[in-house]
Amino acid sequence: MNHDYTALLEQRKDLFAAAYNALAGLSFTAATELGPDTFDEIDYPYAEVMPDTLTYQGASEYEHTFQTNLYFVRKRHETYLDILSCVVEATTAVADALEGVECTVTVRPTEVRDYAGEDGSDLMIMVSTTWTVTAADPNARA
């Protein structure tokens, strides 16, 4: 049996594009990237889609895993709940976008991690959401 891996990688590209476009469309993000980028000059809040794994699951399904990372400079008098409101908005937008991709069977945010740090005199917050998308094998026969 000859598999068309190009179709599988096109699915992956479509999923990443959907997540990227969802983040880029948010009113609170100043910049959005797909994949690694330089941190020399970033406008905050900053959003990125970071590809992770593609795994065959059997039963004619593949699992695509990636992270969406949201970076914030925490301002004086800003509460963590203000930042979490942005995370809720981003999670909803990404989930809706991924569900709209033709190959999608299930979408799950499987892990959310919060990180805090400093950049000079700025307090930085990063919230990373791991997404697991189960997608139909484009080579499966109905």
C-alpha atoms as a PDB file:
ATOM      1  CA  MET A   1       0.000   0.000   0.000  1.00  0.00           C
ATOM      2  CA  ASN A   2       1.453   3.328  -1.035  1.00  0.00           C
ATOM      3  CA  HIS A   3       0.859   6.243   1.359  1.00  0.00           C
ATOM      4  CA  ASP A   4       0.740   9.876   0.314  1.00  0.00           C
ATOM      5  CA  TYR A   5       2.675  11.528   3.129  1.00  0.00           C
ATOM      6  CA  THR A   6       2.347  14.875   1.381  1.00  0.00           C
ATOM      7  CA  ALA A   7      -1.381  14.830   2.216  1.00  0.00           C
ATOM      8  CA  LEU A   8      -0.596  14.085   5.863  1.00  0.00           C
ATOM      9  CA  LEU A   9       1.865  16.969   6.066  1.00  0.00           C
ATOM     10  CA  GLU A  10      -0.649  19.261   4.342  1.00  0.00           C
ATOM     11  CA  GLN A  11      -3.100  18.384   7.144  1.00  0.00           C
ATOM     12  CA  ARG A  12      -0.460  19.366   9.677  1.00  0.00           C
ATOM     13  CA  LYS A  13       0.138  22.645   7.858  1.00  0.00           C
ATOM     14  CA  ASP A  14      -3.626  23.347   7.777  1.00  0.00           C
ATOM     15  CA  LEU A  15      -3.912  22.786  11.539  1.00  0.00           C
ATOM     16  CA  PHE A  16      -0.970  25.084  12.300  1.00  0.00           C
ATOM     17  CA  ALA A  17      -2.343  27.741   9.957  1.00  0.00           C
ATOM     18  CA  ALA A  18      -5.744  27.582  11.678  1.00  0.00           C
ATOM     19  CA  ALA A  19      -4.170  28.038  15.117  1.00  0.00           C
ATOM     20  CA  TYR A  20      -1.892  30.824  13.863  1.00  0.00           C
ATOM     21  CA  ASN A  21      -4.746  32.704  12.172  1.00  0.00           C
ATOM     22  CA  ALA A  22      -6.896  32.392  15.304  1.00  0.00           C
ATOM     23  CA  LEU A  23      -4.142  33.921  17.451  1.00  0.00           C
ATOM     24  CA  ALA A  24      -3.308  36.608  14.873  1.00  0.00           C
ATOM     25  CA  GLY A  25      -6.968  37.642  14.815  1.00  0.00           C
ATOM     26  CA  LEU A  26      -7.141  38.386  18.536  1.00  0.00           C
ATOM     27  CA  SER A  27      -7.429  42.054  19.414  1.00  0.00           C
ATOM     28  CA  PHE A  28      -4.950  41.864  22.302  1.00  0.00           C
ATOM     29  CA  THR A  29      -1.941  40.358  20.471  1.00  0.00           C
ATOM     30  CA  ALA A  30       0.685  42.738  19.116  1.00  0.00           C
ATOM     31  CA  ALA A  31       2.596  40.012  17.223  1.00  0.00           C
ATOM     32  CA  THR A  32       2.081  36.362  16.258  1.00  0.00           C
ATOM     33  CA  GLU A  33       4.594  33.813  14.907  1.00  0.00           C
ATOM     34  CA  LEU A  34       4.590  30.212  13.721  1.00  0.00           C
ATOM     35  CA  GLY A  35       7.624  28.306  14.951  1.00  0.00           C
ATOM     36  CA  PRO A  36      10.714  29.591  16.738  1.00  0.00           C
ATOM     37  CA  ASP A  37      11.566  33.279  16.455  1.00  0.00           C
ATOM     38  CA  THR A  38      14.193  35.633  17.799  1.00  0.00           C
ATOM     39  CA  PHE A  39      13.409  37.378  21.046  1.00  0.00           C
ATOM     40  CA  ASP A  40      15.571  40.403  20.167  1.00  0.00           C
ATOM     41  CA  GLU A  41      12.608  42.624  19.329  1.00  0.00           C
ATOM     42  CA  ILE A  42       9.183  41.389  20.325  1.00  0.00           C
ATOM     43  CA  ASP A  43       6.040  43.426  20.753  1.00  0.00           C
ATOM     44  CA  TYR A  44       3.923  42.194  23.673  1.00  0.00           C
ATOM     45  CA  PRO A  45       1.491  40.594  24.135  1.00  0.00           C
ATOM     46  CA  TYR A  46       3.083  38.041  21.836  1.00  0.00           C
ATOM     47  CA  ALA A  47       1.585  34.767  20.590  1.00  0.00           C
ATOM     48  CA  GLU A  48       3.273  31.816  18.912  1.00  0.00           C
ATOM     49  CA  VAL A  49       2.365  28.388  17.597  1.00  0.00           C
ATOM     50  CA  MET A  50       5.132  25.874  18.316  1.00  0.00           C
ATOM     51  CA  PRO A  51       4.913  22.544  16.415  1.00  0.00           C
ATOM     52  CA  ASP A  52       5.665  19.442  18.470  1.00  0.00           C
ATOM     53  CA  THR A  53       4.778  15.905  17.325  1.00  0.00           C
ATOM     54  CA  LEU A  54       2.832  13.932  14.741  1.00  0.00           C
ATOM     55  CA  THR A  55       2.039  10.378  15.838  1.00  0.00           C
ATOM     56  CA  TYR A  56       0.149   7.547  14.148  1.00  0.00           C
ATOM     57  CA  GLN A  57      -2.610   6.311  16.482  1.00  0.00           C
ATOM     58  CA  GLY A  58      -3.900   3.343  14.525  1.00  0.00           C
ATOM     59  CA  ALA A  59      -7.532   3.046  13.499  1.00  0.00           C
ATOM     60  CA  SER A  60      -6.878   5.435  10.595  1.00  0.00           C
ATOM     61  CA  GLU A  61      -6.049   8.398  12.829  1.00  0.00           C
ATOM     62  CA  TYR A  62      -3.045  10.626  13.499  1.00  0.00           C
ATOM     63  CA  GLU A  63      -2.439  12.784  16.541  1.00  0.00           C
ATOM     64  CA  HIS A  64      -0.983  16.260  15.996  1.00  0.00           C
ATOM     65  CA  THR A  65       0.485  17.931  19.070  1.00  0.00           C
ATOM     66  CA  PHE A  66       1.655  21.530  19.347  1.00  0.00           C
ATOM     67  CA  GLN A  67       1.733  24.435  21.779  1.00  0.00           C
ATOM     68  CA  THR A  68       0.279  27.894  21.679  1.00  0.00           C
ATOM     69  CA  ASN A  69       2.331  30.237  23.834  1.00  0.00           C
ATOM     70  CA  LEU A  70       1.118  33.629  25.008  1.00  0.00           C
ATOM     71  CA  TYR A  71       3.689  36.068  26.416  1.00  0.00           C
ATOM     72  CA  PHE A  72       2.729  39.092  28.481  1.00  0.00           C
ATOM     73  CA  VAL A  73       4.512  41.925  30.238  1.00  0.00           C
ATOM     74  CA  ARG A  74       2.615  42.210  33.494  1.00  0.00           C
ATOM     75  CA  LYS A  75       1.841  45.842  34.141  1.00  0.00           C
ATOM     76  CA  ARG A  76       1.487  47.583  37.469  1.00  0.00           C
ATOM     77  CA  HIS A  77      -2.036  47.160  38.894  1.00  0.00           C
ATOM     78  CA  GLU A  78      -2.799  44.377  36.391  1.00  0.00           C
ATOM     79  CA  THR A  79      -4.113  41.237  38.005  1.00  0.00           C
ATOM     80  CA  TYR A  80      -3.378  37.708  36.890  1.00  0.00           C
ATOM     81  CA  LEU A  81      -7.104  37.385  36.172  1.00  0.00           C
ATOM     82  CA  ASP A  82      -6.707  40.045  33.447  1.00  0.00           C
ATOM     83  CA  ILE A  83      -4.123  37.840  31.756  1.00  0.00           C
ATOM     84  CA  LEU A  84      -6.257  34.735  32.201  1.00  0.00           C
ATOM     85  CA  SER A  85      -9.140  36.493  30.444  1.00  0.00           C
ATOM     86  CA  CYS A  86      -6.887  36.780  27.391  1.00  0.00           C
ATOM     87  CA  VAL A  87      -5.974  33.094  27.717  1.00  0.00           C
ATOM     88  CA  VAL A  88      -9.661  32.132  27.736  1.00  0.00           C
ATOM     89  CA  GLU A  89     -10.253  34.219  24.603  1.00  0.00           C
ATOM     90  CA  ALA A  90      -7.248  32.673  22.845  1.00  0.00           C
ATOM     91  CA  THR A  91      -8.163  29.106  23.836  1.00  0.00           C
ATOM     92  CA  THR A  92     -11.712  29.524  22.559  1.00  0.00           C
ATOM     93  CA  ALA A  93     -10.526  31.041  19.257  1.00  0.00           C
ATOM     94  CA  VAL A  94      -7.921  28.323  18.644  1.00  0.00           C
ATOM     95  CA  ALA A  95     -10.329  25.486  19.532  1.00  0.00           C
ATOM     96  CA  ASP A  96     -12.999  26.889  17.205  1.00  0.00           C
ATOM     97  CA  ALA A  97     -10.466  27.297  14.382  1.00  0.00           C
ATOM     98  CA  LEU A  98      -9.089  23.761  14.772  1.00  0.00           C
ATOM     99  CA  GLU A  99     -12.583  22.265  14.813  1.00  0.00           C
ATOM    100  CA  GLY A 100     -13.170  23.960  11.467  1.00  0.00           C
ATOM    101  CA  VAL A 101     -10.292  22.122   9.753  1.00  0.00           C
ATOM    102  CA  GLU A 102     -11.702  19.364   7.546  1.00  0.00           C
ATOM    103  CA  CYS A 103      -9.485  16.534   8.873  1.00  0.00           C
ATOM    104  CA  THR A 104     -10.221  17.191  12.565  1.00  0.00           C
ATOM    105  CA  VAL A 105     -11.840  14.391  14.549  1.00  0.00           C
ATOM    106  CA  THR A 106     -11.232  15.749  18.091  1.00  0.00           C
ATOM    107  CA  VAL A 107      -9.561  18.821  19.599  1.00  0.00           C
ATOM    108  CA  ARG A 108      -8.316  18.991  23.169  1.00  0.00           C
ATOM    109  CA  PRO A 109      -6.209  21.450  25.104  1.00  0.00           C
ATOM    110  CA  THR A 110      -4.359  18.730  27.051  1.00  0.00           C
ATOM    111  CA  GLU A 111      -2.109  20.846  29.275  1.00  0.00           C
ATOM    112  CA  VAL A 112      -1.845  24.477  30.351  1.00  0.00           C
ATOM    113  CA  ARG A 113       1.352  25.701  32.024  1.00  0.00           C
ATOM    114  CA  ASP A 114       2.001  29.101  33.541  1.00  0.00           C
ATOM    115  CA  TYR A 115       5.496  30.557  33.741  1.00  0.00           C
ATOM    116  CA  ALA A 116       6.752  33.769  35.327  1.00  0.00           C
ATOM    117  CA  GLY A 117      10.088  35.477  34.845  1.00  0.00           C
ATOM    118  CA  GLU A 118      11.776  38.807  34.382  1.00  0.00           C
ATOM    119  CA  ASP A 119      13.218  40.694  31.454  1.00  0.00           C
ATOM    120  CA  GLY A 120      15.197  43.588  32.841  1.00  0.00           C
ATOM    121  CA  SER A 121      12.764  45.364  35.127  1.00  0.00           C
ATOM    122  CA  ASP A 122       9.667  43.833  33.496  1.00  0.00           C
ATOM    123  CA  LEU A 123       7.723  40.939  34.990  1.00  0.00           C
ATOM    124  CA  MET A 124       6.993  38.445  32.205  1.00  0.00           C
ATOM    125  CA  ILE A 125       4.179  35.910  32.157  1.00  0.00           C
ATOM    126  CA  MET A 126       3.982  33.067  29.637  1.00  0.00           C
ATOM    127  CA  VAL A 127       1.011  30.724  29.391  1.00  0.00           C
ATOM    128  CA  SER A 128       1.621  27.636  27.266  1.00  0.00           C
ATOM    129  CA  THR A 129      -1.261  25.460  26.103  1.00  0.00           C
ATOM    130  CA  THR A 130      -0.546  22.031  24.652  1.00  0.00           C
ATOM    131  CA  TRP A 131      -3.058  21.045  21.982  1.00  0.00           C
ATOM    132  CA  THR A 132      -3.802  17.502  20.858  1.00  0.00           C
ATOM    133  CA  VAL A 133      -5.735  17.190  17.625  1.00  0.00           C
ATOM    134  CA  THR A 134      -6.827  13.786  16.384  1.00  0.00           C
ATOM    135  CA  ALA A 135      -7.145  13.833  12.617  1.00  0.00           C
ATOM    136  CA  ALA A 136      -8.358  11.328  10.067  1.00  0.00           C
ATOM    137  CA  ASP A 137      -5.647   9.537   8.087  1.00  0.00           C
ATOM    138  CA  PRO A 138      -5.801  11.084   4.590  1.00  0.00           C
ATOM    139  CA  ASN A 139      -4.759   7.703   3.169  1.00  0.00           C
ATOM    140  CA  ALA A 140      -7.499   5.681   4.868  1.00  0.00           C
ATOM    141  CA  ARG A 141     -10.025   4.018   2.656  1.00  0.00           C
ATOM    142  CA  ALA A 142     -13.647   4.454   3.583  1.00  0.00           C
END
